[in-house]
Amino acid sequence: MAASACIHSTNDGAKSWVCLQWWKMTRLLSFIWRLSVGFSPRINGVKGFKSIEDVQDGIPSEVTEIVLVRHGETTWNAAGRIQGQMESDLNEVGQKQAVAIAERLAKEPRPATVYSSDLKRAKHTALEIAENCFCPEVIEVPELKERHVGSLQGLFWTEGEEKEPQAYRAFFSDQNDLEIPGGGESFDQLCERSMHALEKIAKKHKGERVIVVTHGGVIRAVYMKITAAPSAGKLLNASVNVLHFDGKWSIKSWGDVSHLSSVGFLQRGFDGDSKH
């Protein structure tokens, strides 16, 4: 994954440049090694790694374990810009977050498959995970893309209420069937497609562990649907959330970012429950 030219939170330009070059070199060496053993993950493509037996330790045969991951930080996340279903690249911090979460998950039981939203910020995060976990491909699931937030898309959070007041109020409304003006989805529509996609994945992978890379809005909807809670709180980039499905859903862990201690993350995260 190519590194961005943007440097975050630094006071020493020369030191930052050296650190960036070192990080680039280590990622290049990792990529070369994986090529040497025949590994090359693909999006919905032909399997590119010589087969390794799946390890699904400790998961009962009737249970599916889904590791739900939010994508790494993007340029628009850092700028406070509303993405929705518009595209935005991982920034340098986001690329490092993707590496950190991939290395963390590689130390855990190997997943059977890696799934991803079809938006590139999720796909890039998923590819890093697949590479480190020796999964041969990433399977795109368009139903796991972020919520369409209508005419708010592309605006900054600080200007949304002034420029698109109806859409802004609809986004934060407690009326779950209210669609966001400008072609946006209601919360109920987001919940329906997200939960349907996850349940389809869960039923396909009984007794297995799978990783699903998606977005803050989707993860918020999943949490609120499973728990019936009125809020999901902050959902941080590259956080790990573990679900079990055995005919009904349960949450095993939530919002884990311990793997980001040396990388950093936006403290504000995604919060669809309170106004920015």
C-alpha atoms as a PDB file:
ATOM      1  CA  MET A   1       0.000   0.000   0.000  1.00  0.00           C
ATOM      2  CA  ALA A   2       1.565   3.260  -1.060  1.00  0.00           C
ATOM      3  CA  ALA A   3       2.299   5.852   1.620  1.00  0.00           C
ATOM      4  CA  SER A   4       0.815   9.327   1.437  1.00  0.00           C
ATOM      5  CA  ALA A   5       3.065  12.371   1.295  1.00  0.00           C
ATOM      6  CA  CYS A   6       1.110  13.924   4.181  1.00  0.00           C
ATOM      7  CA  ILE A   7       2.817  13.848   7.638  1.00  0.00           C
ATOM      8  CA  HIS A   8       0.589  14.032  10.756  1.00  0.00           C
ATOM      9  CA  SER A   9       1.416  15.484  14.185  1.00  0.00           C
ATOM     10  CA  THR A  10       5.127  16.139  13.858  1.00  0.00           C
ATOM     11  CA  ASN A  11       7.492  18.848  15.019  1.00  0.00           C
ATOM     12  CA  ASP A  12      10.635  17.651  13.294  1.00  0.00           C
ATOM     13  CA  GLY A  13      10.484  17.560   9.490  1.00  0.00           C
ATOM     14  CA  ALA A  14      13.788  15.727   8.939  1.00  0.00           C
ATOM     15  CA  LYS A  15      13.004  13.049  11.505  1.00  0.00           C
ATOM     16  CA  SER A  16       9.539  12.571  10.033  1.00  0.00           C
ATOM     17  CA  TRP A  17      10.964  12.153   6.543  1.00  0.00           C
ATOM     18  CA  VAL A  18      13.386   9.463   7.755  1.00  0.00           C
ATOM     19  CA  CYS A  19      10.590   7.649   9.606  1.00  0.00           C
ATOM     20  CA  LEU A  20       8.389   7.744   6.532  1.00  0.00           C
ATOM     21  CA  GLN A  21      11.142   6.335   4.312  1.00  0.00           C
ATOM     22  CA  TRP A  22      11.826   3.563   6.821  1.00  0.00           C
ATOM     23  CA  TRP A  23       8.115   2.682   6.946  1.00  0.00           C
ATOM     24  CA  LYS A  24       7.969   2.596   3.146  1.00  0.00           C
ATOM     25  CA  MET A  25      10.989   0.287   3.029  1.00  0.00           C
ATOM     26  CA  THR A  26       9.560  -2.163   5.584  1.00  0.00           C
ATOM     27  CA  ARG A  27       6.264  -2.360   3.676  1.00  0.00           C
ATOM     28  CA  LEU A  28       8.150  -2.952   0.417  1.00  0.00           C
ATOM     29  CA  LEU A  29      10.215  -5.755   1.962  1.00  0.00           C
ATOM     30  CA  SER A  30       7.026  -7.334   3.354  1.00  0.00           C
ATOM     31  CA  PHE A  31       5.400  -7.178  -0.082  1.00  0.00           C
ATOM     32  CA  ILE A  32       8.474  -8.726  -1.774  1.00  0.00           C
ATOM     33  CA  TRP A  33       8.487 -11.566   0.766  1.00  0.00           C
ATOM     34  CA  ARG A  34       4.827 -12.331   0.133  1.00  0.00           C
ATOM     35  CA  LEU A  35       5.426 -12.386  -3.592  1.00  0.00           C
ATOM     36  CA  SER A  36       8.294 -14.821  -3.035  1.00  0.00           C
ATOM     37  CA  VAL A  37       5.974 -17.311  -1.316  1.00  0.00           C
ATOM     38  CA  GLY A  38       3.341 -16.954  -3.974  1.00  0.00           C
ATOM     39  CA  PHE A  39       0.840 -14.759  -2.161  1.00  0.00           C
ATOM     40  CA  SER A  40      -1.214 -12.039  -3.831  1.00  0.00           C
ATOM     41  CA  PRO A  41      -4.679 -11.212  -2.485  1.00  0.00           C
ATOM     42  CA  ARG A  42      -7.287 -10.100  -4.992  1.00  0.00           C
ATOM     43  CA  ILE A  43     -10.608  -8.288  -4.856  1.00  0.00           C
ATOM     44  CA  ASN A  44     -13.234 -10.844  -5.967  1.00  0.00           C
ATOM     45  CA  GLY A  45     -10.490 -12.473  -7.999  1.00  0.00           C
ATOM     46  CA  VAL A  46      -8.774 -15.772  -8.573  1.00  0.00           C
ATOM     47  CA  LYS A  47      -7.136 -17.201  -5.495  1.00  0.00           C
ATOM     48  CA  GLY A  48      -3.438 -16.394  -5.497  1.00  0.00           C
ATOM     49  CA  PHE A  49      -1.925 -18.283  -2.554  1.00  0.00           C
ATOM     50  CA  LYS A  50      -0.952 -21.884  -2.163  1.00  0.00           C
ATOM     51  CA  SER A  51      -3.460 -23.463   0.179  1.00  0.00           C
ATOM     52  CA  ILE A  52      -3.004 -23.373   3.959  1.00  0.00           C
ATOM     53  CA  GLU A  53      -5.416 -25.250   6.214  1.00  0.00           C
ATOM     54  CA  ASP A  54      -7.858 -22.894   7.933  1.00  0.00           C
ATOM     55  CA  VAL A  55      -7.520 -22.534  11.678  1.00  0.00           C
ATOM     56  CA  GLN A  56     -10.839 -21.907  13.429  1.00  0.00           C
ATOM     57  CA  ASP A  57      -9.891 -22.550  17.043  1.00  0.00           C
ATOM     58  CA  GLY A  58     -12.563 -22.515  19.695  1.00  0.00           C
ATOM     59  CA  ILE A  59     -15.584 -21.669  17.508  1.00  0.00           C
ATOM     60  CA  PRO A  60     -18.518 -24.077  17.937  1.00  0.00           C
ATOM     61  CA  SER A  61     -19.816 -25.625  14.732  1.00  0.00           C
ATOM     62  CA  GLU A  62     -23.141 -23.791  14.973  1.00  0.00           C
ATOM     63  CA  VAL A  63     -21.553 -20.366  15.580  1.00  0.00           C
ATOM     64  CA  THR A  64     -20.117 -17.838  13.148  1.00  0.00           C
ATOM     65  CA  GLU A  65     -17.611 -15.317  14.492  1.00  0.00           C
ATOM     66  CA  ILE A  66     -17.580 -12.032  12.582  1.00  0.00           C
ATOM     67  CA  VAL A  67     -14.792  -9.552  13.240  1.00  0.00           C
ATOM     68  CA  LEU A  68     -16.318  -6.243  12.245  1.00  0.00           C
ATOM     69  CA  VAL A  69     -13.671  -3.637  11.361  1.00  0.00           C
ATOM     70  CA  ARG A  70     -14.003   0.042  10.545  1.00  0.00           C
ATOM     71  CA  HIS A  71     -11.698   1.208   7.739  1.00  0.00           C
ATOM     72  CA  GLY A  72      -8.547   3.233   8.420  1.00  0.00           C
ATOM     73  CA  GLU A  73      -8.533   7.012   8.674  1.00  0.00           C
ATOM     74  CA  THR A  74      -9.067   8.940   5.436  1.00  0.00           C
ATOM     75  CA  THR A  75      -8.194  12.416   4.237  1.00  0.00           C
ATOM     76  CA  TRP A  76     -11.845  13.418   4.654  1.00  0.00           C
ATOM     77  CA  ASN A  77     -12.049  11.931   8.168  1.00  0.00           C
ATOM     78  CA  ALA A  78      -9.090  14.073   9.195  1.00  0.00           C
ATOM     79  CA  ALA A  79     -10.565  17.173   7.547  1.00  0.00           C
ATOM     80  CA  GLY A  80     -14.003  16.716   9.124  1.00  0.00           C
ATOM     81  CA  ARG A  81     -15.668  16.244   5.760  1.00  0.00           C
ATOM     82  CA  ILE A  82     -18.804  14.114   5.297  1.00  0.00           C
ATOM     83  CA  GLN A  83     -18.084  11.081   3.111  1.00  0.00           C
ATOM     84  CA  GLY A  84     -21.247   9.005   2.928  1.00  0.00           C
ATOM     85  CA  GLN A  85     -20.903   6.937  -0.236  1.00  0.00           C
ATOM     86  CA  MET A  86     -18.381   9.291  -1.844  1.00  0.00           C
ATOM     87  CA  GLU A  87     -14.792   8.098  -2.182  1.00  0.00           C
ATOM     88  CA  SER A  88     -11.874   9.257  -0.039  1.00  0.00           C
ATOM     89  CA  ASP A  89      -8.381   7.775   0.201  1.00  0.00           C
ATOM     90  CA  LEU A  90      -6.698   6.488   3.327  1.00  0.00           C
ATOM     91  CA  ASN A  91      -4.240   9.110   4.525  1.00  0.00           C
ATOM     92  CA  GLU A  92      -0.825   8.254   5.944  1.00  0.00           C
ATOM     93  CA  VAL A  93      -2.208   7.605   9.416  1.00  0.00           C
ATOM     94  CA  GLY A  94      -4.955   5.440   7.894  1.00  0.00           C
ATOM     95  CA  GLN A  95      -2.418   3.371   5.982  1.00  0.00           C
ATOM     96  CA  LYS A  96      -0.467   2.760   9.186  1.00  0.00           C
ATOM     97  CA  GLN A  97      -3.692   1.879  10.983  1.00  0.00           C
ATOM     98  CA  ALA A  98      -4.466  -0.674   8.277  1.00  0.00           C
ATOM     99  CA  VAL A  99      -1.029  -2.233   8.791  1.00  0.00           C
ATOM    100  CA  ALA A 100      -1.459  -2.231  12.587  1.00  0.00           C
ATOM    101  CA  ILE A 101      -4.862  -3.893  12.516  1.00  0.00           C
ATOM    102  CA  ALA A 102      -3.659  -6.410   9.920  1.00  0.00           C
ATOM    103  CA  GLU A 103      -0.676  -7.366  12.057  1.00  0.00           C
ATOM    104  CA  ARG A 104      -2.923  -7.714  15.107  1.00  0.00           C
ATOM    105  CA  LEU A 105      -5.431  -9.948  13.303  1.00  0.00           C
ATOM    106  CA  ALA A 106      -2.615 -12.043  11.821  1.00  0.00           C
ATOM    107  CA  LYS A 107      -1.712 -13.127  15.378  1.00  0.00           C
ATOM    108  CA  GLU A 108      -5.236 -14.384  15.992  1.00  0.00           C
ATOM    109  CA  PRO A 109      -6.978 -17.480  14.521  1.00  0.00           C
ATOM    110  CA  ARG A 110      -6.885 -17.328  10.754  1.00  0.00           C
ATOM    111  CA  PRO A 111     -10.140 -16.138   9.145  1.00  0.00           C
ATOM    112  CA  ALA A 112     -11.846 -18.222   6.500  1.00  0.00           C
ATOM    113  CA  THR A 113     -12.518 -15.138   4.362  1.00  0.00           C
ATOM    114  CA  VAL A 114     -12.217 -11.367   4.323  1.00  0.00           C
ATOM    115  CA  TYR A 115     -15.243  -9.367   3.185  1.00  0.00           C
ATOM    116  CA  SER A 116     -15.386  -5.659   2.435  1.00  0.00           C
ATOM    117  CA  SER A 117     -17.611  -2.804   1.418  1.00  0.00           C
ATOM    118  CA  ASP A 118     -17.031  -1.840  -2.209  1.00  0.00           C
ATOM    119  CA  LEU A 119     -15.797   1.662  -1.261  1.00  0.00           C
ATOM    120  CA  LYS A 120     -12.043   1.954  -1.654  1.00  0.00           C
ATOM    121  CA  ARG A 121     -11.247   3.100   1.896  1.00  0.00           C
ATOM    122  CA  ALA A 122     -12.663  -0.197   3.149  1.00  0.00           C
ATOM    123  CA  LYS A 123     -11.151  -2.268   0.332  1.00  0.00           C
ATOM    124  CA  HIS A 124      -7.650  -0.904   0.930  1.00  0.00           C
ATOM    125  CA  THR A 125      -7.926  -1.743   4.633  1.00  0.00           C
ATOM    126  CA  ALA A 126      -9.285  -5.198   3.801  1.00  0.00           C
ATOM    127  CA  LEU A 127      -6.488  -5.965   1.338  1.00  0.00           C
ATOM    128  CA  GLU A 128      -3.873  -5.218   3.985  1.00  0.00           C
ATOM    129  CA  ILE A 129      -5.652  -7.572   6.382  1.00  0.00           C
ATOM    130  CA  ALA A 130      -6.005 -10.303   3.759  1.00  0.00           C
ATOM    131  CA  GLU A 131      -2.323 -10.101   2.897  1.00  0.00           C
ATOM    132  CA  ASN A 132      -1.208 -10.462   6.510  1.00  0.00           C
ATOM    133  CA  CYS A 133      -3.743 -13.178   7.315  1.00  0.00           C
ATOM    134  CA  PHE A 134      -2.884 -15.218   4.205  1.00  0.00           C
ATOM    135  CA  CYS A 135      -6.383 -14.939   2.802  1.00  0.00           C
ATOM    136  CA  PRO A 136      -6.313 -15.239  -0.979  1.00  0.00           C
ATOM    137  CA  GLU A 137      -9.022 -12.715  -1.801  1.00  0.00           C
ATOM    138  CA  VAL A 138     -11.277  -9.971  -0.542  1.00  0.00           C
ATOM    139  CA  ILE A 139     -14.945 -10.385  -1.381  1.00  0.00           C
ATOM    140  CA  GLU A 140     -16.818  -7.153  -2.060  1.00  0.00           C
ATOM    141  CA  VAL A 141     -20.296  -6.741  -0.608  1.00  0.00           C
ATOM    142  CA  PRO A 142     -21.912  -3.512  -1.887  1.00  0.00           C
ATOM    143  CA  GLU A 143     -24.620  -3.760   0.800  1.00  0.00           C
ATOM    144  CA  LEU A 144     -21.927  -3.040   3.409  1.00  0.00           C
ATOM    145  CA  LYS A 145     -21.080   0.401   2.006  1.00  0.00           C
ATOM    146  CA  GLU A 146     -21.585   3.514   4.105  1.00  0.00           C
ATOM    147  CA  ARG A 147     -24.979   5.148   4.514  1.00  0.00           C
ATOM    148  CA  HIS A 148     -25.965   7.502   1.696  1.00  0.00           C
ATOM    149  CA  VAL A 149     -26.423  10.817   3.492  1.00  0.00           C
ATOM    150  CA  GLY A 150     -27.988  12.730   0.614  1.00  0.00           C
ATOM    151  CA  SER A 151     -27.059  16.364   0.115  1.00  0.00           C
ATOM    152  CA  LEU A 152     -24.708  16.288   3.125  1.00  0.00           C
ATOM    153  CA  GLN A 153     -22.164  14.272   1.157  1.00  0.00           C
ATOM    154  CA  GLY A 154     -19.029  16.268   0.397  1.00  0.00           C
ATOM    155  CA  LEU A 155     -19.794  19.018   2.914  1.00  0.00           C
ATOM    156  CA  PHE A 156     -17.822  19.722   6.078  1.00  0.00           C
ATOM    157  CA  TRP A 157     -19.603  18.886   9.319  1.00  0.00           C
ATOM    158  CA  THR A 158     -19.205  22.508  10.413  1.00  0.00           C
ATOM    159  CA  GLU A 159     -21.214  23.780   7.430  1.00  0.00           C
ATOM    160  CA  GLY A 160     -23.838  21.034   7.110  1.00  0.00           C
ATOM    161  CA  GLU A 161     -26.491  22.615   9.331  1.00  0.00           C
ATOM    162  CA  GLU A 162     -26.248  25.968   7.556  1.00  0.00           C
ATOM    163  CA  LYS A 163     -26.041  24.756   3.954  1.00  0.00           C
ATOM    164  CA  GLU A 164     -28.387  21.751   4.138  1.00  0.00           C
ATOM    165  CA  PRO A 165     -30.551  22.217   7.246  1.00  0.00           C
ATOM    166  CA  GLN A 166     -33.230  19.673   6.259  1.00  0.00           C
ATOM    167  CA  ALA A 167     -30.700  16.966   5.475  1.00  0.00           C
ATOM    168  CA  TYR A 168     -28.727  17.770   8.620  1.00  0.00           C
ATOM    169  CA  ARG A 169     -31.829  17.475  10.831  1.00  0.00           C
ATOM    170  CA  ALA A 170     -32.854  14.260   9.075  1.00  0.00           C
ATOM    171  CA  PHE A 171     -29.445  12.699   9.722  1.00  0.00           C
ATOM    172  CA  PHE A 172     -29.694  13.327  13.467  1.00  0.00           C
ATOM    173  CA  SER A 173     -33.420  12.639  13.678  1.00  0.00           C
ATOM    174  CA  ASP A 174     -34.871   9.982  15.984  1.00  0.00           C
ATOM    175  CA  GLN A 175     -37.394   9.176  13.233  1.00  0.00           C
ATOM    176  CA  ASN A 176     -35.728   6.071  11.848  1.00  0.00           C
ATOM    177  CA  ASP A 177     -37.815   5.847   8.676  1.00  0.00           C
ATOM    178  CA  LEU A 178     -36.965   9.420   7.624  1.00  0.00           C
ATOM    179  CA  GLU A 179     -34.929   9.499   4.408  1.00  0.00           C
ATOM    180  CA  ILE A 180     -32.228  12.160   4.106  1.00  0.00           C
ATOM    181  CA  PRO A 181     -33.077  14.733   1.409  1.00  0.00           C
ATOM    182  CA  GLY A 182     -30.928  14.534  -1.711  1.00  0.00           C
ATOM    183  CA  GLY A 183     -31.236  10.803  -2.316  1.00  0.00           C
ATOM    184  CA  GLY A 184     -30.127   9.687   1.129  1.00  0.00           C
ATOM    185  CA  GLU A 185     -31.187   6.617   3.094  1.00  0.00           C
ATOM    186  CA  SER A 186     -33.229   6.374   6.249  1.00  0.00           C
ATOM    187  CA  PHE A 187     -31.697   4.687   9.285  1.00  0.00           C
ATOM    188  CA  ASP A 188     -34.137   1.793   8.819  1.00  0.00           C
ATOM    189  CA  GLN A 189     -32.994   1.276   5.225  1.00  0.00           C
ATOM    190  CA  LEU A 190     -29.357   1.245   6.353  1.00  0.00           C
ATOM    191  CA  CYS A 191     -30.159  -1.273   9.105  1.00  0.00           C
ATOM    192  CA  GLU A 192     -32.087  -3.564   6.790  1.00  0.00           C
ATOM    193  CA  ARG A 193     -29.426  -3.882   4.109  1.00  0.00           C
ATOM    194  CA  SER A 194     -26.527  -4.073   6.593  1.00  0.00           C
ATOM    195  CA  MET A 195     -28.064  -6.754   8.800  1.00  0.00           C
ATOM    196  CA  HIS A 196     -29.269  -8.745   5.785  1.00  0.00           C
ATOM    197  CA  ALA A 197     -25.721  -8.753   4.356  1.00  0.00           C
ATOM    198  CA  LEU A 198     -24.162  -9.810   7.668  1.00  0.00           C
ATOM    199  CA  GLU A 199     -26.714 -12.544   8.270  1.00  0.00           C
ATOM    200  CA  LYS A 200     -26.098 -13.926   4.784  1.00  0.00           C
ATOM    201  CA  ILE A 201     -22.358 -14.041   5.500  1.00  0.00           C
ATOM    202  CA  ALA A 202     -22.933 -15.604   8.931  1.00  0.00           C
ATOM    203  CA  LYS A 203     -25.117 -18.406   7.568  1.00  0.00           C
ATOM    204  CA  LYS A 204     -22.465 -19.233   4.968  1.00  0.00           C
ATOM    205  CA  HIS A 205     -19.649 -19.572   7.513  1.00  0.00           C
ATOM    206  CA  LYS A 206     -20.940 -21.643  10.437  1.00  0.00           C
ATOM    207  CA  GLY A 207     -18.096 -22.808  12.630  1.00  0.00           C
ATOM    208  CA  GLU A 208     -15.748 -20.255  11.078  1.00  0.00           C
ATOM    209  CA  ARG A 209     -14.253 -16.849  11.713  1.00  0.00           C
ATOM    210  CA  VAL A 210     -14.550 -14.139   9.059  1.00  0.00           C
ATOM    211  CA  ILE A 211     -13.455 -10.513   8.877  1.00  0.00           C
ATOM    212  CA  VAL A 212     -15.775  -7.814   7.538  1.00  0.00           C
ATOM    213  CA  VAL A 213     -14.401  -4.331   6.792  1.00  0.00           C
ATOM    214  CA  THR A 214     -17.024  -1.626   6.629  1.00  0.00           C
ATOM    215  CA  HIS A 215     -17.935   1.886   7.850  1.00  0.00           C
ATOM    216  CA  GLY A 216     -18.880   3.835  10.942  1.00  0.00           C
ATOM    217  CA  GLY A 217     -22.520   4.269   9.935  1.00  0.00           C
ATOM    218  CA  VAL A 218     -22.953   0.559   9.239  1.00  0.00           C
ATOM    219  CA  ILE A 219     -21.262  -0.491  12.487  1.00  0.00           C
ATOM    220  CA  ARG A 220     -23.414   1.978  14.448  1.00  0.00           C
ATOM    221  CA  ALA A 221     -26.562   0.545  12.837  1.00  0.00           C
ATOM    222  CA  VAL A 222     -25.493  -3.031  13.622  1.00  0.00           C
ATOM    223  CA  TYR A 223     -24.786  -2.217  17.266  1.00  0.00           C
ATOM    224  CA  MET A 224     -28.101  -0.423  17.762  1.00  0.00           C
ATOM    225  CA  LYS A 225     -30.050  -3.189  16.015  1.00  0.00           C
ATOM    226  CA  ILE A 226     -28.477  -5.976  18.077  1.00  0.00           C
ATOM    227  CA  THR A 227     -28.601  -4.211  21.440  1.00  0.00           C
ATOM    228  CA  ALA A 228     -31.714  -2.038  20.917  1.00  0.00           C
ATOM    229  CA  ALA A 229     -29.633   0.734  22.504  1.00  0.00           C
ATOM    230  CA  PRO A 230     -30.453   4.353  21.615  1.00  0.00           C
ATOM    231  CA  SER A 231     -26.791   5.149  20.936  1.00  0.00           C
ATOM    232  CA  ALA A 232     -23.605   3.434  19.799  1.00  0.00           C
ATOM    233  CA  GLY A 233     -21.193   6.089  21.041  1.00  0.00           C
ATOM    234  CA  LYS A 234     -17.947   6.818  19.211  1.00  0.00           C
ATOM    235  CA  LEU A 235     -16.764   4.360  16.568  1.00  0.00           C
ATOM    236  CA  LEU A 236     -13.058   4.785  15.917  1.00  0.00           C
ATOM    237  CA  ASN A 237     -11.171   4.128  12.695  1.00  0.00           C
ATOM    238  CA  ALA A 238      -9.580   0.660  12.500  1.00  0.00           C
ATOM    239  CA  SER A 239     -11.448  -0.528  15.613  1.00  0.00           C
ATOM    240  CA  VAL A 240     -12.192  -4.221  16.171  1.00  0.00           C
ATOM    241  CA  ASN A 241     -15.695  -5.409  17.075  1.00  0.00           C
ATOM    242  CA  VAL A 242     -16.484  -9.109  17.485  1.00  0.00           C
ATOM    243  CA  LEU A 243     -19.933 -10.588  16.881  1.00  0.00           C
ATOM    244  CA  HIS A 244     -21.267 -14.126  17.194  1.00  0.00           C
ATOM    245  CA  PHE A 245     -24.219 -15.506  15.259  1.00  0.00           C
ATOM    246  CA  ASP A 246     -25.935 -18.796  16.106  1.00  0.00           C
ATOM    247  CA  GLY A 247     -29.375 -17.935  14.842  1.00  0.00           C
ATOM    248  CA  LYS A 248     -29.327 -14.805  16.950  1.00  0.00           C
ATOM    249  CA  TRP A 249     -26.707 -12.086  17.358  1.00  0.00           C
ATOM    250  CA  SER A 250     -24.484 -11.389  20.356  1.00  0.00           C
ATOM    251  CA  ILE A 251     -21.584  -8.986  20.891  1.00  0.00           C
ATOM    252  CA  LYS A 252     -18.369 -10.475  22.321  1.00  0.00           C
ATOM    253  CA  SER A 253     -16.195  -7.347  22.284  1.00  0.00           C
ATOM    254  CA  TRP A 254     -16.586  -3.797  21.050  1.00  0.00           C
ATOM    255  CA  GLY A 255     -14.474  -0.804  20.052  1.00  0.00           C
ATOM    256  CA  ASP A 256     -11.051  -2.363  20.650  1.00  0.00           C
ATOM    257  CA  VAL A 257      -8.224  -0.079  19.439  1.00  0.00           C
ATOM    258  CA  SER A 258      -5.413  -1.458  21.604  1.00  0.00           C
ATOM    259  CA  HIS A 259      -3.455  -2.273  18.428  1.00  0.00           C
ATOM    260  CA  LEU A 260      -3.323   1.455  17.545  1.00  0.00           C
ATOM    261  CA  SER A 261      -1.349   2.567  20.600  1.00  0.00           C
ATOM    262  CA  SER A 262       1.762   3.353  18.551  1.00  0.00           C
ATOM    263  CA  VAL A 263      -0.112   4.665  15.507  1.00  0.00           C
ATOM    264  CA  GLY A 264      -2.751   7.032  16.852  1.00  0.00           C
ATOM    265  CA  PHE A 265      -6.331   7.772  15.814  1.00  0.00           C
ATOM    266  CA  LEU A 266      -8.897  10.552  15.679  1.00  0.00           C
ATOM    267  CA  GLN A 267     -10.417  10.777  19.136  1.00  0.00           C
ATOM    268  CA  ARG A 268     -13.727  12.097  17.841  1.00  0.00           C
ATOM    269  CA  GLY A 269     -14.333   8.956  15.723  1.00  0.00           C
ATOM    270  CA  PHE A 270     -17.684   8.479  14.009  1.00  0.00           C
ATOM    271  CA  ASP A 271     -20.627   9.594  16.107  1.00  0.00           C
ATOM    272  CA  GLY A 272     -24.011   9.645  14.420  1.00  0.00           C
ATOM    273  CA  ASP A 273     -25.731  10.208  17.761  1.00  0.00           C
ATOM    274  CA  SER A 274     -24.537  13.727  18.531  1.00  0.00           C
ATOM    275  CA  LYS A 275     -24.007  16.846  16.449  1.00  0.00           C
ATOM    276  CA  HIS A 276     -20.446  17.824  15.575  1.00  0.00           C
END
